[in-house]
Amino acid sequence: MNHVTYDQETDILYVRLQVGESAKQTFLDDARIIDRSADGAILGVEFLGASDGVDLVDVPFAQTVQRLIKERGLGLKVFA
């Protein structure tokens, strides 16, 4: 279910929290995007420019996102 992917070439980190089809995106800012299903459930979070650090302020399920990133062992800086 949970899954973390990081593309070094594009510098995009994606943390999937639930399986489902994305129907809507909520932009927290230019670098953080929340994917939601049609019923509003949070499916995942996309972080652009992740090598500069991952900002978890105002990110839903921030503790879970932080744990998943750490478990993946990517060495990215995380700001909570």
N, C-alpha and C. Protein backbone atom coordinates (compact mmCIF):
# COMPACT_ATOMS: atom_id res chain seq x y z
N MET A 1 0.84 -1.19 0.00
CA MET A 1 0.00 0.00 0.00
C MET A 1 0.88 1.26 0.00
N ASN A 2 1.63 1.50 1.08
CA ASN A 2 2.52 2.66 1.12
C ASN A 2 3.74 2.41 0.25
N HIS A 3 4.18 3.46 -0.41
CA HIS A 3 5.30 3.31 -1.33
C HIS A 3 5.97 4.67 -1.52
N VAL A 4 7.28 4.66 -1.58
CA VAL A 4 8.05 5.90 -1.79
C VAL A 4 8.89 5.73 -3.04
N THR A 5 8.80 6.70 -3.95
CA THR A 5 9.65 6.69 -5.14
C THR A 5 10.36 8.04 -5.23
N TYR A 6 11.60 7.99 -5.70
CA TYR A 6 12.36 9.21 -5.90
C TYR A 6 13.08 9.11 -7.24
N ASP A 7 12.84 10.10 -8.09
CA ASP A 7 13.49 10.17 -9.40
C ASP A 7 14.58 11.23 -9.32
N GLN A 8 15.83 10.81 -9.29
CA GLN A 8 16.95 11.75 -9.17
C GLN A 8 17.03 12.68 -10.37
N GLU A 9 16.70 12.19 -11.53
CA GLU A 9 16.80 13.01 -12.74
C GLU A 9 15.83 14.20 -12.70
N THR A 10 14.60 13.95 -12.27
CA THR A 10 13.62 15.04 -12.19
C THR A 10 13.57 15.67 -10.80
N ASP A 11 14.21 15.03 -9.83
CA ASP A 11 14.26 15.49 -8.43
C ASP A 11 12.86 15.55 -7.82
N ILE A 12 12.07 14.51 -8.11
CA ILE A 12 10.71 14.43 -7.59
C ILE A 12 10.58 13.21 -6.68
N LEU A 13 10.05 13.47 -5.49
CA LEU A 13 9.77 12.43 -4.51
C LEU A 13 8.27 12.25 -4.42
N TYR A 14 7.80 11.01 -4.45
CA TYR A 14 6.37 10.74 -4.30
C TYR A 14 6.18 9.73 -3.18
N VAL A 15 5.31 10.08 -2.24
CA VAL A 15 4.97 9.19 -1.14
C VAL A 15 3.51 8.80 -1.29
N ARG A 16 3.27 7.53 -1.60
CA ARG A 16 1.90 7.04 -1.76
C ARG A 16 1.42 6.54 -0.40
N LEU A 17 0.26 7.00 0.00
CA LEU A 17 -0.32 6.62 1.28
C LEU A 17 -1.46 5.61 1.13
N GLN A 18 -2.15 5.68 0.00
CA GLN A 18 -3.25 4.76 -0.29
C GLN A 18 -3.27 4.47 -1.79
N VAL A 19 -3.77 3.32 -2.14
CA VAL A 19 -3.97 2.98 -3.54
C VAL A 19 -5.28 3.58 -3.99
N GLY A 20 -5.29 4.16 -5.17
CA GLY A 20 -6.51 4.73 -5.72
C GLY A 20 -6.19 5.60 -6.93
N GLU A 21 -7.23 6.09 -7.56
CA GLU A 21 -7.06 6.93 -8.73
C GLU A 21 -7.14 8.39 -8.33
N SER A 22 -6.13 9.15 -8.71
CA SER A 22 -6.10 10.57 -8.39
C SER A 22 -7.12 11.31 -9.23
N ALA A 23 -8.00 12.06 -8.56
CA ALA A 23 -9.03 12.81 -9.25
C ALA A 23 -8.86 14.32 -9.04
N LYS A 24 -8.06 14.68 -8.05
CA LYS A 24 -7.90 16.09 -7.71
C LYS A 24 -6.54 16.29 -7.06
N GLN A 25 -5.94 17.44 -7.31
CA GLN A 25 -4.67 17.78 -6.68
C GLN A 25 -4.83 19.08 -5.91
N THR A 26 -4.24 19.12 -4.73
CA THR A 26 -4.22 20.32 -3.91
C THR A 26 -2.78 20.77 -3.80
N PHE A 27 -2.50 22.00 -4.21
CA PHE A 27 -1.15 22.53 -4.16
C PHE A 27 -0.95 23.27 -2.84
N LEU A 28 -0.04 22.76 -2.00
CA LEU A 28 0.29 23.47 -0.77
C LEU A 28 1.16 24.67 -1.10
N ASP A 29 2.01 24.51 -2.11
CA ASP A 29 2.85 25.57 -2.65
C ASP A 29 3.43 25.05 -3.96
N ASP A 30 4.44 25.71 -4.49
CA ASP A 30 5.01 25.31 -5.79
C ASP A 30 5.74 23.97 -5.75
N ALA A 31 6.07 23.49 -4.55
CA ALA A 31 6.89 22.28 -4.46
C ALA A 31 6.18 21.10 -3.81
N ARG A 32 4.94 21.29 -3.33
CA ARG A 32 4.26 20.21 -2.61
C ARG A 32 2.82 20.08 -3.11
N ILE A 33 2.49 18.87 -3.56
CA ILE A 33 1.19 18.61 -4.17
C ILE A 33 0.56 17.39 -3.49
N ILE A 34 -0.69 17.55 -3.06
CA ILE A 34 -1.43 16.46 -2.45
C ILE A 34 -2.35 15.84 -3.50
N ASP A 35 -2.25 14.53 -3.69
CA ASP A 35 -3.16 13.80 -4.60
C ASP A 35 -4.34 13.28 -3.79
N ARG A 36 -5.55 13.52 -4.32
CA ARG A 36 -6.78 13.08 -3.66
C ARG A 36 -7.63 12.26 -4.62
N SER A 37 -8.39 11.35 -4.05
CA SER A 37 -9.36 10.58 -4.83
C SER A 37 -10.61 11.42 -5.05
N ALA A 38 -11.54 10.89 -5.81
CA ALA A 38 -12.79 11.61 -6.09
C ALA A 38 -13.57 11.91 -4.82
N ASP A 39 -13.46 11.04 -3.81
CA ASP A 39 -14.18 11.27 -2.56
C ASP A 39 -13.37 12.10 -1.55
N GLY A 40 -12.19 12.59 -1.97
CA GLY A 40 -11.39 13.48 -1.12
C GLY A 40 -10.34 12.79 -0.28
N ALA A 41 -10.26 11.47 -0.32
CA ALA A 41 -9.25 10.76 0.45
C ALA A 41 -7.85 11.12 -0.07
N ILE A 42 -6.91 11.25 0.85
CA ILE A 42 -5.54 11.58 0.47
C ILE A 42 -4.83 10.31 0.02
N LEU A 43 -4.35 10.33 -1.23
CA LEU A 43 -3.68 9.17 -1.80
C LEU A 43 -2.17 9.26 -1.68
N GLY A 44 -1.63 10.48 -1.78
CA GLY A 44 -0.19 10.63 -1.74
C GLY A 44 0.23 12.07 -1.78
N VAL A 45 1.53 12.26 -1.63
CA VAL A 45 2.11 13.60 -1.63
C VAL A 45 3.32 13.61 -2.55
N GLU A 46 3.38 14.61 -3.41
CA GLU A 46 4.49 14.78 -4.35
C GLU A 46 5.32 15.98 -3.91
N PHE A 47 6.63 15.79 -3.88
CA PHE A 47 7.56 16.86 -3.49
C PHE A 47 8.50 17.14 -4.66
N LEU A 48 8.43 18.35 -5.19
CA LEU A 48 9.31 18.76 -6.28
C LEU A 48 10.57 19.38 -5.68
N GLY A 49 11.70 19.18 -6.33
CA GLY A 49 12.96 19.72 -5.81
C GLY A 49 13.35 19.10 -4.48
N ALA A 50 13.09 17.81 -4.34
CA ALA A 50 13.28 17.11 -3.06
C ALA A 50 14.71 17.14 -2.55
N SER A 51 15.70 17.26 -3.43
CA SER A 51 17.09 17.27 -2.98
C SER A 51 17.42 18.51 -2.15
N ASP A 52 16.57 19.55 -2.26
CA ASP A 52 16.75 20.75 -1.43
C ASP A 52 16.17 20.57 -0.04
N GLY A 53 15.46 19.48 0.16
CA GLY A 53 14.82 19.20 1.45
C GLY A 53 13.33 19.00 1.26
N VAL A 54 12.76 18.22 2.15
CA VAL A 54 11.34 17.88 2.09
C VAL A 54 10.64 18.59 3.25
N ASP A 55 9.77 19.54 2.92
CA ASP A 55 9.06 20.33 3.92
C ASP A 55 7.74 19.66 4.25
N LEU A 56 7.60 19.21 5.50
CA LEU A 56 6.39 18.52 5.91
C LEU A 56 5.39 19.41 6.64
N VAL A 57 5.68 20.69 6.77
CA VAL A 57 4.75 21.62 7.43
C VAL A 57 3.45 21.63 6.64
N ASP A 58 2.34 21.42 7.32
CA ASP A 58 0.99 21.41 6.74
C ASP A 58 0.72 20.21 5.83
N VAL A 59 1.62 19.24 5.77
CA VAL A 59 1.40 18.04 4.97
C VAL A 59 0.56 17.06 5.79
N PRO A 60 -0.56 16.58 5.25
CA PRO A 60 -1.35 15.59 5.97
C PRO A 60 -0.54 14.32 6.23
N PHE A 61 -0.76 13.73 7.38
CA PHE A 61 -0.07 12.50 7.78
C PHE A 61 1.46 12.68 7.75
N ALA A 62 1.92 13.84 8.20
CA ALA A 62 3.34 14.19 8.13
C ALA A 62 4.23 13.17 8.83
N GLN A 63 3.81 12.65 9.97
CA GLN A 63 4.64 11.67 10.69
C GLN A 63 4.79 10.39 9.88
N THR A 64 3.73 9.96 9.25
CA THR A 64 3.79 8.76 8.41
C THR A 64 4.68 9.01 7.20
N VAL A 65 4.51 10.16 6.57
CA VAL A 65 5.34 10.52 5.41
C VAL A 65 6.81 10.54 5.81
N GLN A 66 7.12 11.15 6.95
CA GLN A 66 8.51 11.22 7.41
C GLN A 66 9.07 9.83 7.67
N ARG A 67 8.29 8.97 8.31
CA ARG A 67 8.74 7.60 8.59
C ARG A 67 9.02 6.83 7.30
N LEU A 68 8.12 6.96 6.33
CA LEU A 68 8.29 6.24 5.06
C LEU A 68 9.54 6.72 4.31
N ILE A 69 9.78 8.02 4.33
CA ILE A 69 10.98 8.56 3.66
C ILE A 69 12.24 8.02 4.35
N LYS A 70 12.23 8.03 5.68
CA LYS A 70 13.40 7.55 6.43
C LYS A 70 13.64 6.06 6.15
N GLU A 71 12.56 5.28 6.16
CA GLU A 71 12.69 3.83 5.92
C GLU A 71 13.25 3.54 4.53
N ARG A 72 12.97 4.39 3.58
CA ARG A 72 13.46 4.21 2.19
C ARG A 72 14.95 4.47 2.09
N GLY A 73 15.52 5.21 3.08
CA GLY A 73 16.97 5.42 3.11
C GLY A 73 17.52 6.28 1.98
N LEU A 74 16.78 7.30 1.58
CA LEU A 74 17.20 8.15 0.47
C LEU A 74 18.21 9.23 0.86
N GLY A 75 18.33 9.50 2.15
CA GLY A 75 19.27 10.52 2.58
C GLY A 75 18.81 11.94 2.32
N LEU A 76 17.52 12.14 2.09
CA LEU A 76 17.00 13.48 1.85
C LEU A 76 16.74 14.16 3.19
N LYS A 77 16.99 15.48 3.23
CA LYS A 77 16.70 16.25 4.42
C LYS A 77 15.18 16.41 4.53
N VAL A 78 14.68 16.22 5.76
CA VAL A 78 13.25 16.36 6.01
C VAL A 78 13.06 17.45 7.06
N PHE A 79 12.19 18.39 6.78
CA PHE A 79 11.87 19.49 7.70
C PHE A 79 10.43 19.31 8.16
N ALA A 80 10.26 19.26 9.48
CA ALA A 80 8.90 19.05 10.02
C ALA A 80 8.45 20.28 10.79
